[in-house]
Amino acid sequence: METPVVRRKRPPLPRPPEAPPTPAARIRKTAVAAAEEPRRPRGRPRKTAEEVDDGNRRRKLMDGAAKLFLTKGFAATTTRDIAAAAGMHSGSPFYHFESKGALLHAVMNEGMVMALQSQQQAMAALPAGATPHEQLRVLIRHHFEILLGPRSGFIPVMLYEWRSLTPAQRKGIARVKDAYEAAWMPTLDALSRQGALQATPGVARLFLFGALNWAVQWFAPKGGKSLDELTGEALALFIREA
């Protein structure tokens, strides 16, 4: 018998090394990968419809409570009154605020925070090189807007119901209030150096806020002076014209 011939398999030839991808190919590959990868949302996630609705309800409660605290007083206002003013069930306020006292604190505190922020924006909008007189005009005009404008309930409530807060609540709001009033001092100091201020800066600040805040007692929007006219007359009380 013949011995069968065993054929050996040839080893595969080595493949030539692949050429590195060109810059254009790398760019195309990166672009495809970026298109396939899901995009991540930037910034804070959007509020859900439920969260927006809760925020609106909370704002309605605060606005309604501010008006009631001002007209009826904190002690005489019930949570049922507040819920009715906001168009809610009697127990709804406790979903947003743990007590009537917490609601009073929120009205004052959030009002002062809003006032501080809008005051900063009003001053930042002044042109570079605005005179101290122009700065004080903006500060007074802004304060009248806070006192007498559409969202003006919190300052009168703060003036009349300050003692209804707990000591801890008063301390927290006082910090924001002090920051709001302290922003007036550089302008008053500059006016004093010019000899235009009718009193020392510290005393002028106290008189200014005392006089301006009292406007909530007598100001009549219909048939009275405009806020711009009030601002001009308030300036004349405290500023010595050259």
Protein backbone atom coordinates (compact mmCIF):
# COMPACT_ATOMS: atom_id res chain seq x y z
CA MET A 1 0.00 0.00 0.00
CA GLU A 2 1.07 3.49 -0.72
CA THR A 3 1.56 5.78 2.18
CA PRO A 4 -1.03 8.61 1.95
CA VAL A 5 0.42 11.98 1.36
CA VAL A 6 -0.41 14.39 4.19
CA ARG A 7 -0.69 17.96 2.95
CA ARG A 8 0.25 20.55 5.43
CA LYS A 9 -1.77 23.76 5.61
CA ARG A 10 0.19 26.82 4.84
CA PRO A 11 0.19 29.39 7.60
CA PRO A 12 -1.83 32.51 6.70
CA LEU A 13 0.14 35.34 5.31
CA PRO A 14 0.52 38.26 7.72
CA ARG A 15 -1.79 41.15 6.95
CA PRO A 16 -0.14 44.43 6.13
CA PRO A 17 -0.51 46.98 8.90
CA GLU A 18 -3.51 49.26 8.56
CA ALA A 19 -2.76 52.80 7.68
CA PRO A 20 -3.67 55.26 10.43
CA PRO A 21 -6.96 57.08 9.77
CA THR A 22 -6.66 60.42 8.11
CA PRO A 23 -7.70 63.58 10.02
CA ALA A 24 -10.85 63.79 7.89
CA ALA A 25 -11.78 60.21 8.78
CA ARG A 26 -11.25 60.88 12.48
CA ILE A 27 -13.49 63.93 12.29
CA ARG A 28 -16.23 61.93 10.52
CA LYS A 29 -16.01 59.17 13.13
CA THR A 30 -16.23 61.66 15.99
CA ALA A 31 -19.21 63.40 14.41
CA VAL A 32 -21.08 60.11 13.95
CA ALA A 33 -20.41 59.09 17.56
CA ALA A 34 -21.59 62.46 18.82
CA ALA A 35 -24.77 62.22 16.77
CA GLU A 36 -25.52 58.72 18.10
CA GLU A 37 -24.84 59.66 21.74
CA PRO A 38 -27.94 61.03 23.48
CA ARG A 39 -27.62 64.70 24.37
CA ARG A 40 -27.48 65.66 28.01
CA PRO A 41 -29.68 68.53 29.08
CA ARG A 42 -27.74 71.62 30.07
CA GLY A 43 -28.35 73.60 33.22
CA ARG A 44 -31.09 72.84 35.71
CA PRO A 45 -33.78 70.37 34.69
CA ARG A 46 -37.05 71.96 33.71
CA LYS A 47 -39.73 72.05 36.34
CA THR A 48 -42.58 69.65 35.90
CA ALA A 49 -46.12 70.94 35.45
CA GLU A 50 -46.88 69.85 39.01
CA GLU A 51 -43.91 71.81 40.40
CA VAL A 52 -44.94 74.92 38.47
CA ASP A 53 -48.49 74.57 39.75
CA ASP A 54 -47.25 74.21 43.33
CA GLY A 55 -45.15 77.35 42.94
CA ASN A 56 -48.13 79.28 41.61
CA ARG A 57 -50.33 78.10 44.46
CA ARG A 58 -47.69 79.08 46.99
CA ARG A 59 -47.45 82.55 45.45
CA LYS A 60 -51.25 82.93 45.52
CA LEU A 61 -51.29 82.02 49.20
CA MET A 62 -48.59 84.56 50.00
CA ASP A 63 -50.23 87.36 48.01
CA GLY A 64 -53.62 86.68 49.53
CA ALA A 65 -52.17 86.42 53.03
CA ALA A 66 -50.29 89.71 52.66
CA LYS A 67 -53.51 91.55 51.78
CA LEU A 68 -55.42 89.96 54.65
CA PHE A 69 -52.64 90.61 57.18
CA LEU A 70 -52.68 94.23 56.07
CA THR A 71 -56.46 94.75 56.16
CA LYS A 72 -57.51 92.47 59.04
CA GLY A 73 -54.28 92.04 60.97
CA PHE A 74 -52.32 88.86 61.57
CA ALA A 75 -54.20 87.82 64.72
CA ALA A 76 -57.67 88.25 63.19
CA THR A 77 -56.83 86.45 59.94
CA THR A 78 -57.57 82.72 59.90
CA THR A 79 -56.09 80.06 57.66
CA ARG A 80 -59.62 79.56 56.32
CA ASP A 81 -59.60 83.24 55.25
CA ILE A 82 -56.24 82.78 53.53
CA ALA A 83 -57.33 79.60 51.72
CA ALA A 84 -60.54 81.28 50.53
CA ALA A 85 -58.61 84.28 49.21
CA ALA A 86 -56.43 81.90 47.17
CA GLY A 87 -59.40 79.81 45.98
CA MET A 88 -58.28 76.71 47.90
CA HIS A 89 -59.67 74.32 50.47
CA SER A 90 -59.29 75.30 54.12
CA GLY A 91 -56.47 72.84 54.79
CA SER A 92 -54.44 73.66 51.67
CA PRO A 93 -52.19 76.35 53.26
CA PHE A 94 -50.66 73.70 55.52
CA TYR A 95 -49.42 71.80 52.48
CA HIS A 96 -47.14 74.75 51.68
CA PHE A 97 -46.58 76.30 55.14
CA GLU A 98 -46.46 74.52 58.46
CA SER A 99 -48.31 77.33 60.27
CA LYS A 100 -49.81 80.76 59.88
CA GLY A 101 -46.68 82.16 61.53
CA ALA A 102 -44.50 80.47 58.91
CA LEU A 103 -46.63 82.06 56.20
CA LEU A 104 -46.21 85.50 57.79
CA HIS A 105 -42.45 85.00 57.89
CA ALA A 106 -42.40 83.92 54.23
CA VAL A 107 -44.37 86.99 53.17
CA MET A 108 -41.88 89.32 54.86
CA ASN A 109 -38.68 87.44 54.09
CA GLU A 110 -39.32 86.71 50.42
CA GLY A 111 -40.59 90.24 49.96
CA MET A 112 -37.36 91.69 51.35
CA VAL A 113 -35.21 89.33 49.26
CA MET A 114 -37.12 90.38 46.14
CA ALA A 115 -36.71 94.06 47.07
CA LEU A 116 -32.96 93.66 47.59
CA GLN A 117 -32.53 91.95 44.22
CA SER A 118 -34.60 94.49 42.29
CA GLN A 119 -32.75 97.35 44.01
CA GLN A 120 -29.42 95.87 42.89
CA GLN A 121 -30.76 95.61 39.33
CA ALA A 122 -31.99 99.22 39.38
CA MET A 123 -28.59 100.50 40.50
CA ALA A 124 -26.74 98.30 38.00
CA ALA A 125 -28.83 99.82 35.20
CA LEU A 126 -27.49 103.31 35.95
CA PRO A 127 -25.00 104.60 33.38
CA ALA A 128 -21.34 104.69 34.32
CA GLY A 129 -20.48 107.94 36.08
CA ALA A 130 -23.98 108.57 37.43
CA THR A 131 -23.89 111.34 40.03
CA PRO A 132 -24.82 110.71 43.68
CA HIS A 133 -27.94 112.81 43.10
CA GLU A 134 -28.99 110.52 40.23
CA GLN A 135 -28.23 107.45 42.32
CA LEU A 136 -30.41 108.68 45.18
CA ARG A 137 -33.24 109.42 42.77
CA VAL A 138 -33.12 105.81 41.54
CA LEU A 139 -33.02 104.46 45.10
CA ILE A 140 -36.02 106.54 46.20
CA ARG A 141 -38.01 105.80 43.03
CA HIS A 142 -37.36 102.07 43.44
CA HIS A 143 -38.38 102.19 47.10
CA PHE A 144 -41.67 103.87 46.19
CA GLU A 145 -42.27 101.09 43.68
CA ILE A 146 -41.67 98.52 46.42
CA LEU A 147 -43.94 100.40 48.82
CA LEU A 148 -46.78 101.36 46.50
CA GLY A 149 -46.47 99.19 43.39
CA PRO A 150 -48.33 95.99 42.44
CA ARG A 151 -46.34 93.74 44.82
CA SER A 152 -46.27 96.16 47.72
CA GLY A 153 -48.00 94.21 50.49
CA PHE A 154 -45.03 92.85 52.37
CA ILE A 155 -43.46 96.08 53.68
CA PRO A 156 -46.64 97.41 55.35
CA VAL A 157 -47.15 93.94 56.84
CA MET A 158 -43.56 94.00 58.07
CA LEU A 159 -44.05 97.43 59.62
CA TYR A 160 -47.25 96.48 61.44
CA GLU A 161 -46.71 92.80 62.27
CA TRP A 162 -43.00 92.72 63.14
CA ARG A 163 -43.76 91.67 66.73
CA SER A 164 -45.80 88.70 65.53
CA LEU A 165 -42.60 87.01 64.34
CA THR A 166 -40.43 84.81 66.53
CA PRO A 167 -37.02 86.22 67.58
CA ALA A 168 -35.28 83.84 65.15
CA GLN A 169 -37.54 84.94 62.29
CA ARG A 170 -36.93 88.61 63.05
CA LYS A 171 -33.19 88.07 63.10
CA GLY A 172 -33.17 86.44 59.67
CA ILE A 173 -35.28 89.15 58.03
CA ALA A 174 -33.26 91.89 59.71
CA ARG A 175 -30.14 90.69 57.89
CA VAL A 176 -31.81 91.18 54.50
CA LYS A 177 -33.33 94.50 55.56
CA ASP A 178 -29.94 95.76 56.77
CA ALA A 179 -28.34 94.81 53.43
CA TYR A 180 -31.10 96.67 51.58
CA GLU A 181 -30.61 99.85 53.61
CA ALA A 182 -26.81 99.61 53.66
CA ALA A 183 -26.78 99.95 49.87
CA TRP A 184 -27.91 103.58 50.33
CA MET A 185 -24.95 104.60 52.47
CA PRO A 186 -22.28 105.06 49.73
CA THR A 187 -24.62 107.45 47.92
CA LEU A 188 -25.49 109.35 51.10
CA ASP A 189 -21.81 109.57 52.06
CA ALA A 190 -20.97 110.98 48.62
CA LEU A 191 -23.75 113.58 48.88
CA SER A 192 -22.52 114.55 52.33
CA ARG A 193 -18.99 115.11 51.03
CA GLN A 194 -20.45 117.36 48.35
CA GLY A 195 -22.29 119.38 51.01
CA ALA A 196 -25.63 118.48 49.39
CA LEU A 197 -27.10 116.42 52.22
CA GLN A 198 -29.34 118.17 54.73
CA ALA A 199 -28.30 115.82 57.58
CA THR A 200 -25.48 113.44 58.45
CA PRO A 201 -25.59 110.26 56.32
CA GLY A 202 -26.66 107.92 59.12
CA VAL A 203 -29.43 110.20 60.36
CA ALA A 204 -30.51 111.01 56.80
CA ARG A 205 -30.95 107.29 56.13
CA LEU A 206 -33.21 106.90 59.16
CA PHE A 207 -35.29 109.96 58.25
CA LEU A 208 -35.52 108.87 54.61
CA PHE A 209 -36.88 105.41 55.37
CA GLY A 210 -39.19 106.76 58.06
CA ALA A 211 -40.69 109.33 55.69
CA LEU A 212 -40.87 107.07 52.65
CA ASN A 213 -42.39 104.12 54.50
CA TRP A 214 -45.13 106.33 55.96
CA ALA A 215 -46.38 106.97 52.43
CA VAL A 216 -48.30 103.69 52.61
CA GLN A 217 -50.67 105.47 55.03
CA TRP A 218 -51.65 108.42 52.89
CA PHE A 219 -50.79 107.70 49.26
CA ALA A 220 -53.83 107.55 46.95
CA PRO A 221 -53.09 106.09 43.50
CA LYS A 222 -56.19 107.65 41.93
CA GLY A 223 -56.09 111.39 41.58
CA GLY A 224 -52.85 111.75 43.53
CA LYS A 225 -49.26 112.34 42.52
CA SER A 226 -47.31 109.92 40.38
CA LEU A 227 -44.41 107.98 41.86
CA ASP A 228 -42.02 110.10 39.80
CA GLU A 229 -43.52 113.28 41.29
CA LEU A 230 -43.27 111.82 44.79
CA THR A 231 -39.63 110.98 44.13
CA GLY A 232 -38.85 114.57 43.14
CA GLU A 233 -40.50 115.99 46.25
CA ALA A 234 -38.74 113.48 48.51
CA LEU A 235 -35.40 114.50 47.02
CA ALA A 236 -36.17 118.15 47.68
CA LEU A 237 -36.76 117.39 51.38
CA PHE A 238 -33.30 115.94 51.93
CA ILE A 239 -31.04 117.31 49.21
CA ARG A 240 -29.73 120.84 49.10
CA GLU A 241 -29.84 122.00 45.48
CA ALA A 242 -26.74 123.81 44.23
